[in-house]
Every structure is written in C-alpha cells, then in structure tokens.
Amino acid sequence: HQIDADHAERTTDFAAHTCNCGWCWHAALDYDP
C-alpha cells in the first residue's frame, strides 16, 4: 500500500507543477489537469 501511496503522491506533485519546458504539457499557459 505504501508503494501505491508513494506513486500517487509523486503523480499529484507532478500534476500540480508548472514549467516553461517545451517537453512538458504542463508548459501550456492554459493547462488544466
């Protein structure tokens, strides 16, 4: 269960990030997860 929880936490952290990197869809100014 801890393995799943750790992955879920990393996924949540990644989904919440923003950047201006052309390799990441989070770079879109209007990004909506």
PDB file of all heavy atoms in Angstrom:
ATOM      1  N   HIS A   1       0.831  -1.208   0.000  1.00  0.00           N
ATOM      2  CA  HIS A   1       0.000   0.000   0.000  1.00  0.00           C
ATOM      3  C   HIS A   1       0.866   1.259   0.000  1.00  0.00           C
ATOM      4  O   HIS A   1       0.507   2.274  -0.584  1.00  0.00           O
ATOM      5  CB  HIS A   1      -0.965   0.010   1.188  1.00  0.00           C
ATOM      6  CG  HIS A   1      -1.947  -1.123   1.145  1.00  0.00           C
ATOM      7  ND1 HIS A   1      -2.938  -1.221   0.205  1.00  0.00           N
ATOM      8  CD2 HIS A   1      -2.048  -2.222   1.926  1.00  0.00           C
ATOM      9  CE1 HIS A   1      -3.629  -2.325   0.400  1.00  0.00           C
ATOM     10  NE2 HIS A   1      -3.107  -2.951   1.440  1.00  0.00           N
ATOM     11  N   GLN A   2       2.034   1.188   0.658  1.00  0.00           N
ATOM     12  CA  GLN A   2       2.942   2.333   0.685  1.00  0.00           C
ATOM     13  C   GLN A   2       3.521   2.603  -0.699  1.00  0.00           C
ATOM     14  O   GLN A   2       3.704   3.750  -1.091  1.00  0.00           O
ATOM     15  CB  GLN A   2       4.074   2.119   1.699  1.00  0.00           C
ATOM     16  CG  GLN A   2       4.960   3.321   1.886  1.00  0.00           C
ATOM     17  CD  GLN A   2       4.193   4.539   2.393  1.00  0.00           C
ATOM     18  OE1 GLN A   2       3.382   4.419   3.311  1.00  0.00           O
ATOM     19  NE2 GLN A   2       4.423   5.705   1.796  1.00  0.00           N
ATOM     20  N   ILE A   3       3.784   1.548  -1.457  1.00  0.00           N
ATOM     21  CA  ILE A   3       4.283   1.709  -2.824  1.00  0.00           C
ATOM     22  C   ILE A   3       3.270   2.479  -3.650  1.00  0.00           C
ATOM     23  O   ILE A   3       3.607   3.444  -4.341  1.00  0.00           O
ATOM     24  CB  ILE A   3       4.573   0.335  -3.468  1.00  0.00           C
ATOM     25  CG1 ILE A   3       5.720  -0.371  -2.732  1.00  0.00           C
ATOM     26  CG2 ILE A   3       4.893   0.499  -4.952  1.00  0.00           C
ATOM     27  CD1 ILE A   3       5.909  -1.814  -3.143  1.00  0.00           C
ATOM     28  N   ASP A   4       1.986   2.073  -3.567  1.00  0.00           N
ATOM     29  CA  ASP A   4       0.920   2.768  -4.299  1.00  0.00           C
ATOM     30  C   ASP A   4       0.763   4.208  -3.818  1.00  0.00           C
ATOM     31  O   ASP A   4       0.576   5.121  -4.614  1.00  0.00           O
ATOM     32  CB  ASP A   4      -0.408   2.023  -4.161  1.00  0.00           C
ATOM     33  CG  ASP A   4      -0.423   0.696  -4.899  1.00  0.00           C
ATOM     34  OD1 ASP A   4       0.368   0.522  -5.855  1.00  0.00           O
ATOM     35  OD2 ASP A   4      -1.231  -0.178  -4.512  1.00  0.00           O
ATOM     36  N   ALA A   5       0.850   4.403  -2.507  1.00  0.00           N
ATOM     37  CA  ALA A   5       0.701   5.751  -1.944  1.00  0.00           C
ATOM     38  C   ALA A   5       1.845   6.653  -2.396  1.00  0.00           C
ATOM     39  O   ALA A   5       1.623   7.826  -2.720  1.00  0.00           O
ATOM     40  CB  ALA A   5       0.633   5.688  -0.418  1.00  0.00           C
ATOM     41  N   ASP A   6       3.060   6.131  -2.430  1.00  0.00           N
ATOM     42  CA  ASP A   6       4.206   6.920  -2.888  1.00  0.00           C
ATOM     43  C   ASP A   6       4.032   7.322  -4.351  1.00  0.00           C
ATOM     44  O   ASP A   6       4.295   8.465  -4.732  1.00  0.00           O
ATOM     45  CB  ASP A   6       5.511   6.142  -2.720  1.00  0.00           C
ATOM     46  CG  ASP A   6       5.950   6.004  -1.278  1.00  0.00           C
ATOM     47  OD1 ASP A   6       5.404   6.706  -0.409  1.00  0.00           O
ATOM     48  OD2 ASP A   6       6.846   5.166  -1.022  1.00  0.00           O
ATOM     49  N   HIS A   7       3.568   6.380  -5.184  1.00  0.00           N
ATOM     50  CA  HIS A   7       3.351   6.699  -6.603  1.00  0.00           C
ATOM     51  C   HIS A   7       2.245   7.743  -6.748  1.00  0.00           C
ATOM     52  O   HIS A   7       2.385   8.691  -7.538  1.00  0.00           O
ATOM     53  CB  HIS A   7       3.012   5.444  -7.399  1.00  0.00           C
ATOM     54  CG  HIS A   7       2.834   5.716  -8.851  1.00  0.00           C
ATOM     55  ND1 HIS A   7       3.893   5.987  -9.687  1.00  0.00           N
ATOM     56  CD2 HIS A   7       1.726   5.803  -9.619  1.00  0.00           C
ATOM     57  CE1 HIS A   7       3.442   6.215 -10.908  1.00  0.00           C
ATOM     58  NE2 HIS A   7       2.129   6.114 -10.892  1.00  0.00           N
ATOM     59  N   ALA A   8       1.177   7.598  -5.993  1.00  0.00           N
ATOM     60  CA  ALA A   8       0.075   8.571  -6.051  1.00  0.00           C
ATOM     61  C   ALA A   8       0.556   9.958  -5.633  1.00  0.00           C
ATOM     62  O   ALA A   8       0.176  10.966  -6.245  1.00  0.00           O
ATOM     63  CB  ALA A   8      -1.085   8.113  -5.158  1.00  0.00           C
ATOM     64  N   GLU A   9       1.410  10.026  -4.612  1.00  0.00           N
ATOM     65  CA  GLU A   9       1.937  11.315  -4.162  1.00  0.00           C
ATOM     66  C   GLU A   9       2.821  11.953  -5.230  1.00  0.00           C
ATOM     67  O   GLU A   9       2.711  13.149  -5.518  1.00  0.00           O
ATOM     68  CB  GLU A   9       2.729  11.141  -2.865  1.00  0.00           C
ATOM     69  CG  GLU A   9       3.275  12.452  -2.319  1.00  0.00           C
ATOM     70  CD  GLU A   9       4.033  12.269  -1.014  1.00  0.00           C
ATOM     71  OE1 GLU A   9       4.017  11.164  -0.435  1.00  0.00           O
ATOM     72  OE2 GLU A   9       4.649  13.257  -0.577  1.00  0.00           O
ATOM     73  N   ARG A  10       3.675  11.158  -5.856  1.00  0.00           N
ATOM     74  CA  ARG A  10       4.520  11.688  -6.928  1.00  0.00           C
ATOM     75  C   ARG A  10       3.677  12.153  -8.113  1.00  0.00           C
ATOM     76  O   ARG A  10       3.987  13.166  -8.741  1.00  0.00           O
ATOM     77  CB  ARG A  10       5.528  10.631  -7.390  1.00  0.00           C
ATOM     78  CG  ARG A  10       6.632  10.383  -6.387  1.00  0.00           C
ATOM     79  CD  ARG A  10       7.580   9.313  -6.881  1.00  0.00           C
ATOM     80  NE  ARG A  10       8.597   9.043  -5.886  1.00  0.00           N
ATOM     81  CZ  ARG A  10       9.807   8.620  -6.176  1.00  0.00           C
ATOM     82  NH1 ARG A  10      10.174   8.410  -7.421  1.00  0.00           N
ATOM     83  NH2 ARG A  10      10.666   8.394  -5.221  1.00  0.00           N
ATOM     84  N   THR A  11       2.621  11.406  -8.415  1.00  0.00           N
ATOM     85  CA  THR A  11       1.722  11.783  -9.509  1.00  0.00           C
ATOM     86  C   THR A  11       1.025  13.099  -9.197  1.00  0.00           C
ATOM     87  O   THR A  11       0.936  13.982 -10.062  1.00  0.00           O
ATOM     88  CB  THR A  11       0.689  10.667  -9.765  1.00  0.00           C
ATOM     89  OG1 THR A  11       1.380   9.462 -10.092  1.00  0.00           O
ATOM     90  CG2 THR A  11      -0.248  11.033 -10.895  1.00  0.00           C
ATOM     91  N   THR A  12       0.555  13.258  -7.965  1.00  0.00           N
ATOM     92  CA  THR A  12      -0.098  14.507  -7.544  1.00  0.00           C
ATOM     93  C   THR A  12       0.879  15.671  -7.620  1.00  0.00           C
ATOM     94  O   THR A  12       0.524  16.747  -8.124  1.00  0.00           O
ATOM     95  CB  THR A  12      -0.647  14.355  -6.112  1.00  0.00           C
ATOM     96  OG1 THR A  12      -1.619  13.304  -6.104  1.00  0.00           O
ATOM     97  CG2 THR A  12      -1.283  15.644  -5.630  1.00  0.00           C
ATOM     98  N   ASP A  13       2.092  15.469  -7.149  1.00  0.00           N
ATOM     99  CA  ASP A  13       3.110  16.527  -7.209  1.00  0.00           C
ATOM    100  C   ASP A  13       3.402  16.919  -8.655  1.00  0.00           C
ATOM    101  O   ASP A  13       3.490  18.100  -8.984  1.00  0.00           O
ATOM    102  CB  ASP A  13       4.410  16.086  -6.530  1.00  0.00           C
ATOM    103  CG  ASP A  13       4.287  15.981  -5.026  1.00  0.00           C
ATOM    104  OD1 ASP A  13       3.294  16.490  -4.462  1.00  0.00           O
ATOM    105  OD2 ASP A  13       5.186  15.363  -4.413  1.00  0.00           O
ATOM    106  N   PHE A  14       3.539  15.926  -9.536  1.00  0.00           N
ATOM    107  CA  PHE A  14       3.823  16.223 -10.938  1.00  0.00           C
ATOM    108  C   PHE A  14       2.649  16.968 -11.577  1.00  0.00           C
ATOM    109  O   PHE A  14       2.846  17.948 -12.297  1.00  0.00           O
ATOM    110  CB  PHE A  14       4.114  14.935 -11.717  1.00  0.00           C
ATOM    111  CG  PHE A  14       4.423  15.188 -13.165  1.00  0.00           C
ATOM    112  CD1 PHE A  14       5.678  15.625 -13.551  1.00  0.00           C
ATOM    113  CD2 PHE A  14       3.450  15.021 -14.134  1.00  0.00           C
ATOM    114  CE1 PHE A  14       5.967  15.884 -14.882  1.00  0.00           C
ATOM    115  CE2 PHE A  14       3.730  15.268 -15.471  1.00  0.00           C
ATOM    116  CZ  PHE A  14       4.989  15.709 -15.843  1.00  0.00           C
ATOM    117  N   ALA A  15       1.439  16.509 -11.304  1.00  0.00           N
ATOM    118  CA  ALA A  15       0.255  17.138 -11.891  1.00  0.00           C
ATOM    119  C   ALA A  15       0.102  18.590 -11.439  1.00  0.00           C
ATOM    120  O   ALA A  15      -0.457  19.410 -12.174  1.00  0.00           O
ATOM    121  CB  ALA A  15      -0.998  16.346 -11.540  1.00  0.00           C
ATOM    122  N   ALA A  16       0.613  18.925 -10.256  1.00  0.00           N
ATOM    123  CA  ALA A  16       0.467  20.279  -9.718  1.00  0.00           C
ATOM    124  C   ALA A  16       1.553  21.232 -10.203  1.00  0.00           C
ATOM    125  O   ALA A  16       1.439  22.437 -10.033  1.00  0.00           O
ATOM    126  CB  ALA A  16       0.489  20.227  -8.193  1.00  0.00           C
ATOM    127  N   HIS A  17       2.593  20.704 -10.841  1.00  0.00           N
ATOM    128  CA  HIS A  17       3.701  21.579 -11.217  1.00  0.00           C
ATOM    129  C   HIS A  17       3.396  22.328 -12.519  1.00  0.00           C
ATOM    130  O   HIS A  17       2.561  21.925 -13.315  1.00  0.00           O
ATOM    131  CB  HIS A  17       5.009  20.785 -11.340  1.00  0.00           C
ATOM    132  CG  HIS A  17       5.362  20.364 -12.734  1.00  0.00           C
ATOM    133  ND1 HIS A  17       4.804  19.278 -13.350  1.00  0.00           N
ATOM    134  CD2 HIS A  17       6.212  20.909 -13.631  1.00  0.00           C
ATOM    135  CE1 HIS A  17       5.303  19.156 -14.567  1.00  0.00           C
ATOM    136  NE2 HIS A  17       6.163  20.131 -14.773  1.00  0.00           N
ATOM    137  N   THR A  18       4.064  23.436 -12.674  1.00  0.00           N
ATOM    138  CA  THR A  18       4.029  24.180 -13.927  1.00  0.00           C
ATOM    139  C   THR A  18       5.466  24.451 -14.333  1.00  0.00           C
ATOM    140  O   THR A  18       6.366  24.486 -13.499  1.00  0.00           O
ATOM    141  CB  THR A  18       3.281  25.526 -13.798  1.00  0.00           C
ATOM    142  OG1 THR A  18       3.909  26.292 -12.775  1.00  0.00           O
ATOM    143  CG2 THR A  18       1.814  25.308 -13.453  1.00  0.00           C
ATOM    144  N   CYS A  19       5.681  24.604 -15.614  1.00  0.00           N
ATOM    145  CA  CYS A  19       7.017  24.900 -16.098  1.00  0.00           C
ATOM    146  C   CYS A  19       6.903  25.541 -17.473  1.00  0.00           C
ATOM    147  O   CYS A  19       5.816  25.647 -18.021  1.00  0.00           O
ATOM    148  CB  CYS A  19       7.868  23.624 -16.165  1.00  0.00           C
ATOM    149  SG  CYS A  19       7.343  22.472 -17.432  1.00  0.00           S
ATOM    150  N   ASN A  20       8.015  25.959 -18.008  1.00  0.00           N
ATOM    151  CA  ASN A  20       8.013  26.526 -19.358  1.00  0.00           C
ATOM    152  C   ASN A  20       8.854  25.659 -20.295  1.00  0.00           C
ATOM    153  O   ASN A  20       9.365  26.124 -21.293  1.00  0.00           O
ATOM    154  CB  ASN A  20       8.522  27.970 -19.336  1.00  0.00           C
ATOM    155  CG  ASN A  20       9.947  28.073 -18.834  1.00  0.00           C
ATOM    156  OD1 ASN A  20      10.569  27.075 -18.481  1.00  0.00           O
ATOM    157  ND2 ASN A  20      10.462  29.282 -18.784  1.00  0.00           N
ATOM    158  N   CYS A  21       8.939  24.369 -19.966  1.00  0.00           N
ATOM    159  CA  CYS A  21       9.726  23.423 -20.753  1.00  0.00           C
ATOM    160  C   CYS A  21       8.913  22.955 -21.958  1.00  0.00           C
ATOM    161  O   CYS A  21       7.776  22.538 -21.812  1.00  0.00           O
ATOM    162  CB  CYS A  21      10.102  22.241 -19.867  1.00  0.00           C
ATOM    163  SG  CYS A  21      10.845  20.864 -20.736  1.00  0.00           S
ATOM    164  N   GLY A  22       9.511  22.987 -23.121  1.00  0.00           N
ATOM    165  CA  GLY A  22       8.825  22.532 -24.314  1.00  0.00           C
ATOM    166  C   GLY A  22       8.580  21.035 -24.361  1.00  0.00           C
ATOM    167  O   GLY A  22       7.888  20.548 -25.246  1.00  0.00           O
ATOM    168  N   TRP A  23       9.136  20.281 -23.404  1.00  0.00           N
ATOM    169  CA  TRP A  23       8.948  18.827 -23.371  1.00  0.00           C
ATOM    170  C   TRP A  23       7.802  18.408 -22.477  1.00  0.00           C
ATOM    171  O   TRP A  23       7.526  17.230 -22.333  1.00  0.00           O
ATOM    172  CB  TRP A  23      10.234  18.158 -22.880  1.00  0.00           C
ATOM    173  CG  TRP A  23      11.311  18.237 -23.899  1.00  0.00           C
ATOM    174  CD1 TRP A  23      12.330  19.151 -23.951  1.00  0.00           C
ATOM    175  CD2 TRP A  23      11.462  17.410 -25.039  1.00  0.00           C
ATOM    176  NE1 TRP A  23      13.102  18.933 -25.049  1.00  0.00           N
ATOM    177  CE2 TRP A  23      12.593  17.868 -25.738  1.00  0.00           C
ATOM    178  CE3 TRP A  23      10.768  16.325 -25.553  1.00  0.00           C
ATOM    179  CZ2 TRP A  23      13.041  17.276 -26.912  1.00  0.00           C
ATOM    180  CZ3 TRP A  23      11.208  15.734 -26.716  1.00  0.00           C
ATOM    181  CH2 TRP A  23      12.332  16.212 -27.381  1.00  0.00           C
ATOM    182  N   CYS A  24       7.109  19.337 -21.877  1.00  0.00           N
ATOM    183  CA  CYS A  24       6.092  19.004 -20.879  1.00  0.00           C
ATOM    184  C   CYS A  24       4.781  19.698 -21.215  1.00  0.00           C
ATOM    185  O   CYS A  24       4.763  20.899 -21.477  1.00  0.00           O
ATOM    186  CB  CYS A  24       6.595  19.445 -19.510  1.00  0.00           C
ATOM    187  SG  CYS A  24       5.426  19.162 -18.183  1.00  0.00           S
ATOM    188  N   TRP A  25       3.693  18.957 -21.189  1.00  0.00           N
ATOM    189  CA  TRP A  25       2.402  19.574 -21.494  1.00  0.00           C
ATOM    190  C   TRP A  25       1.966  20.524 -20.399  1.00  0.00           C
ATOM    191  O   TRP A  25       1.060  21.305 -20.594  1.00  0.00           O
ATOM    192  CB  TRP A  25       1.314  18.527 -21.768  1.00  0.00           C
ATOM    193  CG  TRP A  25       1.135  17.534 -20.668  1.00  0.00           C
ATOM    194  CD1 TRP A  25       0.363  17.663 -19.565  1.00  0.00           C
ATOM    195  CD2 TRP A  25       1.751  16.265 -20.572  1.00  0.00           C
ATOM    196  NE1 TRP A  25       0.464  16.556 -18.777  1.00  0.00           N
ATOM    197  CE2 TRP A  25       1.308  15.673 -19.378  1.00  0.00           C
ATOM    198  CE3 TRP A  25       2.634  15.558 -21.375  1.00  0.00           C
ATOM    199  CZ2 TRP A  25       1.718  14.413 -18.962  1.00  0.00           C
ATOM    200  CZ3 TRP A  25       3.038  14.303 -20.971  1.00  0.00           C
ATOM    201  CH2 TRP A  25       2.582  13.742 -19.782  1.00  0.00           C
ATOM    202  N   HIS A  26       2.623  20.527 -19.266  1.00  0.00           N
ATOM    203  CA  HIS A  26       2.327  21.495 -18.210  1.00  0.00           C
ATOM    204  C   HIS A  26       2.831  22.889 -18.572  1.00  0.00           C
ATOM    205  O   HIS A  26       2.526  23.851 -17.892  1.00  0.00           O
ATOM    206  CB  HIS A  26       2.957  21.050 -16.884  1.00  0.00           C
ATOM    207  CG  HIS A  26       2.298  19.863 -16.284  1.00  0.00           C
ATOM    208  ND1 HIS A  26       1.424  19.947 -15.237  1.00  0.00           N
ATOM    209  CD2 HIS A  26       2.355  18.545 -16.607  1.00  0.00           C
ATOM    210  CE1 HIS A  26       0.989  18.748 -14.929  1.00  0.00           C
ATOM    211  NE2 HIS A  26       1.548  17.874 -15.752  1.00  0.00           N
ATOM    212  N   ALA A  27       3.577  22.992 -19.657  1.00  0.00           N
ATOM    213  CA  ALA A  27       4.103  24.290 -20.085  1.00  0.00           C
ATOM    214  C   ALA A  27       3.012  25.159 -20.699  1.00  0.00           C
ATOM    215  O   ALA A  27       3.159  26.367 -20.781  1.00  0.00           O
ATOM    216  CB  ALA A  27       5.231  24.106 -21.093  1.00  0.00           C
ATOM    217  N   ALA A  28       1.901  24.565 -21.127  1.00  0.00           N
ATOM    218  CA  ALA A  28       0.819  25.349 -21.712  1.00  0.00           C
ATOM    219  C   ALA A  28       0.263  26.297 -20.656  1.00  0.00           C
ATOM    220  O   ALA A  28      -0.022  25.905 -19.532  1.00  0.00           O
ATOM    221  CB  ALA A  28      -0.280  24.425 -22.224  1.00  0.00           C
ATOM    222  N   LEU A  29       0.128  27.550 -21.009  1.00  0.00           N
ATOM    223  CA  LEU A  29      -0.356  28.543 -20.048  1.00  0.00           C
ATOM    224  C   LEU A  29      -1.762  28.226 -19.564  1.00  0.00           C
ATOM    225  O   LEU A  29      -2.121  28.535 -18.437  1.00  0.00           O
ATOM    226  CB  LEU A  29      -0.317  29.938 -20.671  1.00  0.00           C
ATOM    227  CG  LEU A  29       1.077  30.447 -21.024  1.00  0.00           C
ATOM    228  CD1 LEU A  29       0.966  31.812 -21.699  1.00  0.00           C
ATOM    229  CD2 LEU A  29       1.941  30.551 -19.777  1.00  0.00           C
ATOM    230  N   ASP A  30      -2.551  27.601 -20.413  1.00  0.00           N
ATOM    231  CA  ASP A  30      -3.925  27.290 -20.036  1.00  0.00           C
ATOM    232  C   ASP A  30      -4.087  25.836 -19.612  1.00  0.00           C
ATOM    233  O   ASP A  30      -5.168  25.259 -19.690  1.00  0.00           O
ATOM    234  CB  ASP A  30      -4.875  27.603 -21.196  1.00  0.00           C
ATOM    235  CG  ASP A  30      -4.537  26.810 -22.456  1.00  0.00           C
ATOM    236  OD1 ASP A  30      -3.464  26.159 -22.491  1.00  0.00           O
ATOM    237  OD2 ASP A  30      -5.344  26.842 -23.389  1.00  0.00           O
ATOM    238  N   TYR A  31      -3.008  25.220 -19.121  1.00  0.00           N
ATOM    239  CA  TYR A  31      -3.047  23.812 -18.748  1.00  0.00           C
ATOM    240  C   TYR A  31      -4.076  23.575 -17.654  1.00  0.00           C
ATOM    241  O   TYR A  31      -4.114  24.259 -16.647  1.00  0.00           O
ATOM    242  CB  TYR A  31      -1.673  23.332 -18.269  1.00  0.00           C
ATOM    243  CG  TYR A  31      -1.716  21.931 -17.720  1.00  0.00           C
ATOM    244  CD1 TYR A  31      -1.840  20.857 -18.581  1.00  0.00           C
ATOM    245  CD2 TYR A  31      -1.688  21.692 -16.369  1.00  0.00           C
ATOM    246  CE1 TYR A  31      -1.915  19.562 -18.098  1.00  0.00           C
ATOM    247  CE2 TYR A  31      -1.763  20.415 -15.870  1.00  0.00           C
ATOM    248  CZ  TYR A  31      -1.880  19.350 -16.738  1.00  0.00           C
ATOM    249  OH  TYR A  31      -1.962  18.082 -16.251  1.00  0.00           O
ATOM    250  N   ASP A  32      -4.937  22.595 -17.874  1.00  0.00           N
ATOM    251  CA  ASP A  32      -5.934  22.163 -16.909  1.00  0.00           C
ATOM    252  C   ASP A  32      -5.741  20.663 -16.715  1.00  0.00           C
ATOM    253  O   ASP A  32      -5.968  19.893 -17.649  1.00  0.00           O
ATOM    254  CB  ASP A  32      -7.340  22.461 -17.443  1.00  0.00           C
ATOM    255  CG  ASP A  32      -8.436  21.917 -16.542  1.00  0.00           C
ATOM    256  OD1 ASP A  32      -8.135  21.342 -15.479  1.00  0.00           O
ATOM    257  OD2 ASP A  32      -9.614  22.072 -16.922  1.00  0.00           O
ATOM    258  N   PRO A  33      -5.312  20.220 -15.526  1.00  0.00           N
ATOM    259  CA  PRO A  33      -5.033  18.798 -15.336  1.00  0.00           C
ATOM    260  C   PRO A  33      -6.240  17.901 -15.566  1.00  0.00           C
ATOM    261  O   PRO A  33      -6.094  16.715 -15.834  1.00  0.00           O
ATOM    262  CB  PRO A  33      -4.524  18.704 -13.895  1.00  0.00           C
ATOM    263  CG  PRO A  33      -4.954  19.950 -13.239  1.00  0.00           C
ATOM    264  CD  PRO A  33      -5.088  20.988 -14.310  1.00  0.00           C
TER     265      PRO A  33
END
